[in-house]
């Protein structure tokens, strides 16, 4: 099987972010038209900042949009590492209060015990049920220099589960030497169950990793391959130097 993706290169980071924001806006509009609402999953990290700023400028009916994260560090929003805090600072706080956000962090005795509550919140927010959870309309993932995407880290003890396209779990945990804290991530099949899947990254170093991943090999070594070598949804790659 060949890598399944379409490559979009921007002239710079800002124009790339604006292009991707336009695509996201169109897919949100189509989802609202077809289903009455749109569900999108966004990523943390430094790369999405200009994307979030560009999204704010689009004419979107945010009252009909439900936003969650692709993955999250298992910390509360007061923590410097919180993806939710980053998302709120650069996107949610600039949108109308009517937008709905489903966090992946829930205080509990352990990260594993928090997962059923997170899934329940998602089902309630999307008006769906466990037997047929609402699919995403938009999923935007990133990629690290080690080839990880979402919280699929190559040195995680459960990396085989994290890149398993047939996983029965909606949410998974990740604890690896590369991460400062435990993490929560939507599983691979859940992330692939979307109308529009995009990988957004910048920089020549990461491009080299991406090109290596496209040559094939184990997703346990370069987890981004789990997104590249699958036939459930086309992967749209958005890149700028």
Protein backbone atom coordinates (compact mmCIF):
# COMPACT_ATOMS: atom_id res chain seq x y z
CA UNK A 1 0.00 0.00 0.00
CA UNK A 2 1.28 3.44 -0.92
CA UNK A 3 1.08 6.44 1.38
CA UNK A 4 -2.38 8.02 1.05
CA UNK A 5 -2.11 11.80 1.13
CA UNK A 6 -2.45 15.06 -0.79
CA UNK A 7 0.34 17.59 -0.24
CA UNK A 8 -0.38 21.32 0.05
CA UNK A 9 2.66 23.62 0.40
CA UNK A 10 2.31 27.22 1.54
CA UNK A 11 4.71 30.03 0.69
CA UNK A 12 5.08 30.77 4.41
CA UNK A 13 3.56 29.75 7.76
CA UNK A 14 0.97 32.52 7.79
CA UNK A 15 -0.41 31.94 4.30
CA UNK A 16 -0.47 28.20 5.02
CA UNK A 17 -2.50 28.79 8.19
CA UNK A 18 -4.94 31.04 6.32
CA UNK A 19 -5.38 28.44 3.55
CA UNK A 20 -6.06 25.67 6.06
CA UNK A 21 -8.43 27.90 8.06
CA UNK A 22 -10.42 28.47 4.88
CA UNK A 23 -10.70 24.72 4.27
CA UNK A 24 -11.79 24.12 7.86
CA UNK A 25 -14.40 26.86 7.56
CA UNK A 26 -15.86 25.25 4.43
CA UNK A 27 -16.07 21.82 6.06
CA UNK A 28 -17.73 23.29 9.14
CA UNK A 29 -20.31 25.01 6.92
CA UNK A 30 -21.00 21.77 5.05
CA UNK A 31 -21.42 19.83 8.31
CA UNK A 32 -23.84 22.42 9.71
CA UNK A 33 -25.80 22.30 6.46
CA UNK A 34 -25.96 18.50 6.44
CA UNK A 35 -26.22 17.71 10.16
CA UNK A 36 -27.14 20.92 11.94
CA UNK A 37 -23.81 21.02 13.77
CA UNK A 38 -20.09 20.45 13.27
CA UNK A 39 -17.62 18.56 15.46
CA UNK A 40 -13.93 19.37 15.15
CA UNK A 41 -10.79 18.09 16.89
CA UNK A 42 -7.77 20.40 17.08
CA UNK A 43 -4.20 19.97 18.27
CA UNK A 44 -2.03 21.83 20.75
CA UNK A 45 1.60 22.83 20.40
CA UNK A 46 3.12 25.96 18.86
CA UNK A 47 2.33 25.22 15.19
CA UNK A 48 -1.47 25.79 15.36
CA UNK A 49 -1.26 29.30 16.85
CA UNK A 50 -1.51 31.15 13.48
CA UNK A 51 -4.20 28.68 12.40
CA UNK A 52 -6.34 29.52 15.44
CA UNK A 53 -5.83 33.24 14.84
CA UNK A 54 -6.90 32.81 11.21
CA UNK A 55 -9.99 30.81 12.16
CA UNK A 56 -11.26 33.65 14.35
CA UNK A 57 -11.54 35.86 11.26
CA UNK A 58 -13.89 33.48 9.43
CA UNK A 59 -17.66 33.90 9.39
CA UNK A 60 -18.63 30.68 11.17
CA UNK A 61 -21.80 29.93 13.14
CA UNK A 62 -19.86 28.94 16.26
CA UNK A 63 -23.08 28.26 18.18
CA UNK A 64 -23.37 25.09 16.10
CA UNK A 65 -19.75 23.97 16.55
CA UNK A 66 -18.42 21.50 19.11
CA UNK A 67 -14.65 21.58 19.63
CA UNK A 68 -12.46 19.00 21.30
CA UNK A 69 -8.75 18.25 21.31
CA UNK A 70 -6.99 15.49 19.40
CA UNK A 71 -4.98 14.76 22.55
CA UNK A 72 -4.18 16.31 25.89
CA UNK A 73 -1.63 16.21 28.68
CA UNK A 74 -3.33 14.90 31.82
CA UNK A 75 -3.12 18.19 33.69
CA UNK A 76 -5.73 20.80 34.63
CA UNK A 77 -6.09 24.06 32.73
CA UNK A 78 -3.98 25.97 35.24
CA UNK A 79 -0.92 23.93 34.25
CA UNK A 80 1.58 25.42 31.81
CA UNK A 81 1.47 22.22 29.70
CA UNK A 82 -2.31 22.18 29.22
CA UNK A 83 -3.43 22.00 25.59
CA UNK A 84 -6.87 23.19 26.68
CA UNK A 85 -5.36 26.36 28.16
CA UNK A 86 -3.48 26.99 24.90
CA UNK A 87 -6.65 26.43 22.87
CA UNK A 88 -8.64 28.79 25.08
CA UNK A 89 -6.01 31.52 24.93
CA UNK A 90 -5.66 31.58 21.16
CA UNK A 91 -9.11 30.45 19.97
CA UNK A 92 -11.94 29.74 22.39
CA UNK A 93 -11.67 32.99 24.36
CA UNK A 94 -11.94 34.93 21.09
CA UNK A 95 -15.12 33.14 19.99
CA UNK A 96 -18.73 33.61 21.14
CA UNK A 97 -19.63 31.93 24.42
CA UNK A 98 -22.05 29.73 22.49
CA UNK A 99 -19.23 27.53 21.14
CA UNK A 100 -19.05 24.22 23.01
CA UNK A 101 -15.78 22.67 24.17
CA UNK A 102 -15.26 19.07 25.29
CA UNK A 103 -11.98 18.80 27.26
CA UNK A 104 -10.02 15.56 27.47
CA UNK A 105 -8.87 16.18 31.04
CA UNK A 106 -11.13 15.14 33.89
CA UNK A 107 -9.94 15.05 37.48
CA UNK A 108 -9.92 11.48 38.79
CA UNK A 109 -7.87 9.08 40.89
CA UNK A 110 -5.98 8.03 37.78
CA UNK A 111 -5.88 8.93 34.11
CA UNK A 112 -7.47 5.60 33.20
CA UNK A 113 -10.43 6.20 35.49
CA UNK A 114 -11.04 9.61 33.91
CA UNK A 115 -11.63 8.27 30.39
CA UNK A 116 -15.27 7.07 30.74
CA UNK A 117 -16.28 10.53 32.01
CA UNK A 118 -14.61 12.23 29.05
CA UNK A 119 -16.34 9.91 26.58
CA UNK A 120 -19.67 10.48 28.34
CA UNK A 121 -19.22 14.26 28.07
CA UNK A 122 -18.48 13.93 24.36
CA UNK A 123 -21.56 11.78 23.73
CA UNK A 124 -23.74 14.23 25.63
CA UNK A 125 -22.33 17.27 23.82
CA UNK A 126 -22.78 15.66 20.40
CA UNK A 127 -26.18 14.09 21.13
CA UNK A 128 -24.90 10.63 20.26
CA UNK A 129 -24.51 7.36 22.10
CA UNK A 130 -21.82 4.78 22.76
CA UNK A 131 -23.09 2.42 20.07
CA UNK A 132 -22.89 5.17 17.43
CA UNK A 133 -20.72 8.08 18.63
CA UNK A 134 -20.78 11.18 16.46
CA UNK A 135 -18.00 11.13 13.90
CA UNK A 136 -15.76 14.14 13.52
CA UNK A 137 -16.21 16.56 10.66
CA UNK A 138 -12.69 17.97 10.92
CA UNK A 139 -9.54 16.56 12.55
CA UNK A 140 -6.28 18.52 12.51
CA UNK A 141 -3.20 16.64 13.71
CA UNK A 142 0.41 17.68 14.06
CA UNK A 143 3.70 15.81 13.96
CA UNK A 144 6.75 15.88 16.20
CA UNK A 145 10.37 15.51 15.22
CA UNK A 146 10.23 11.89 16.41
CA UNK A 147 7.36 11.15 14.04
CA UNK A 148 4.68 11.11 16.73
CA UNK A 149 1.20 12.38 16.02
CA UNK A 150 -1.65 12.87 18.49
CA UNK A 151 -0.18 11.18 21.60
CA UNK A 152 1.15 8.21 19.65
CA UNK A 153 4.75 8.34 20.90
CA UNK A 154 7.18 5.72 19.54
CA UNK A 155 8.68 5.04 22.97
CA UNK A 156 5.31 4.54 24.71
CA UNK A 157 4.89 1.15 26.37
CA UNK A 158 1.55 0.74 24.58
CA UNK A 159 2.62 2.02 21.16
CA UNK A 160 1.18 -1.09 19.45
CA UNK A 161 -2.25 -0.24 20.90
CA UNK A 162 -1.91 3.44 20.02
CA UNK A 163 -1.33 2.75 16.30
CA UNK A 164 -3.87 -0.08 16.10
CA UNK A 165 -6.43 0.88 13.47
CA UNK A 166 -8.81 -1.78 14.82
CA UNK A 167 -8.74 -0.58 18.43
CA UNK A 168 -12.05 -0.92 20.29
CA UNK A 169 -11.21 1.99 22.59
CA UNK A 170 -12.37 5.55 21.93
CA UNK A 171 -9.74 7.08 24.21
CA UNK A 172 -6.31 5.80 25.15
CA UNK A 173 -3.61 6.86 27.56
CA UNK A 174 0.06 7.41 26.78
CA UNK A 175 2.94 7.38 29.23
CA UNK A 176 6.41 7.49 27.72
CA UNK A 177 9.91 8.76 28.57
CA UNK A 178 9.42 11.50 25.95
CA UNK A 179 6.42 13.03 27.70
CA UNK A 180 6.67 15.10 30.85
CA UNK A 181 3.26 13.94 32.05
CA UNK A 182 0.71 11.26 31.23
CA UNK A 183 -1.42 11.96 28.20
CA UNK A 184 -4.89 11.22 26.84
CA UNK A 185 -5.59 10.76 23.14
CA UNK A 186 -8.45 9.80 20.89
CA UNK A 187 -7.66 6.42 19.36
CA UNK A 188 -6.55 6.00 15.76
CA UNK A 189 -9.89 4.66 14.43
CA UNK A 190 -11.77 7.52 16.11
CA UNK A 191 -9.48 10.14 14.59
CA UNK A 192 -9.78 8.53 11.16
CA UNK A 193 -13.58 8.60 11.40
CA UNK A 194 -13.82 12.11 9.99
CA UNK A 195 -14.84 13.88 6.82
CA UNK A 196 -11.66 15.93 6.67
CA UNK A 197 -8.28 14.89 8.09
CA UNK A 198 -5.32 17.25 7.89
CA UNK A 199 -1.71 17.08 9.03
CA UNK A 200 -0.32 20.57 9.72
CA UNK A 201 3.41 21.02 10.25
CA UNK A 202 6.25 23.37 9.35
CA UNK A 203 10.04 23.29 9.05
CA UNK A 204 12.57 21.37 6.98
CA UNK A 205 13.50 19.04 9.85
CA UNK A 206 9.95 17.76 10.15
CA UNK A 207 9.63 17.53 6.38
CA UNK A 208 12.59 15.13 6.37
CA UNK A 209 10.84 12.99 8.99
CA UNK A 210 7.64 13.07 6.94
CA UNK A 211 9.47 11.98 3.79
CA UNK A 212 11.10 9.14 5.69
CA UNK A 213 7.69 8.06 6.96
CA UNK A 214 6.30 8.05 3.42
CA UNK A 215 8.92 5.49 2.39
CA UNK A 216 7.08 2.90 4.48
CA UNK A 217 7.91 0.85 7.53
CA UNK A 218 6.50 0.30 10.98
CA UNK A 219 4.08 2.81 12.50
CA UNK A 220 5.53 1.82 15.87
CA UNK A 221 8.80 3.46 14.78
CA UNK A 222 7.28 6.54 13.11
CA UNK A 223 3.65 6.73 14.31
CA UNK A 224 2.65 9.28 11.65
CA UNK A 225 2.66 6.27 9.32
CA UNK A 226 -0.59 5.19 11.01
CA UNK A 227 -2.21 8.21 9.34
CA UNK A 228 -0.36 7.84 6.06
CA UNK A 229 -0.86 4.15 5.37
CA UNK A 230 -4.60 3.66 5.76
CA UNK A 231 -7.57 3.73 3.41
CA UNK A 232 -10.34 5.07 5.64
CA UNK A 233 -9.93 8.76 4.86
CA UNK A 234 -7.63 10.85 2.66
CA UNK A 235 -4.90 12.68 4.58
CA UNK A 236 -4.39 16.29 3.53
CA UNK A 237 -0.88 17.50 4.37
CA UNK A 238 -0.36 21.26 4.91
CA UNK A 239 3.30 22.28 5.01
CA UNK A 240 5.47 25.40 4.87
CA UNK A 241 9.20 25.88 5.49
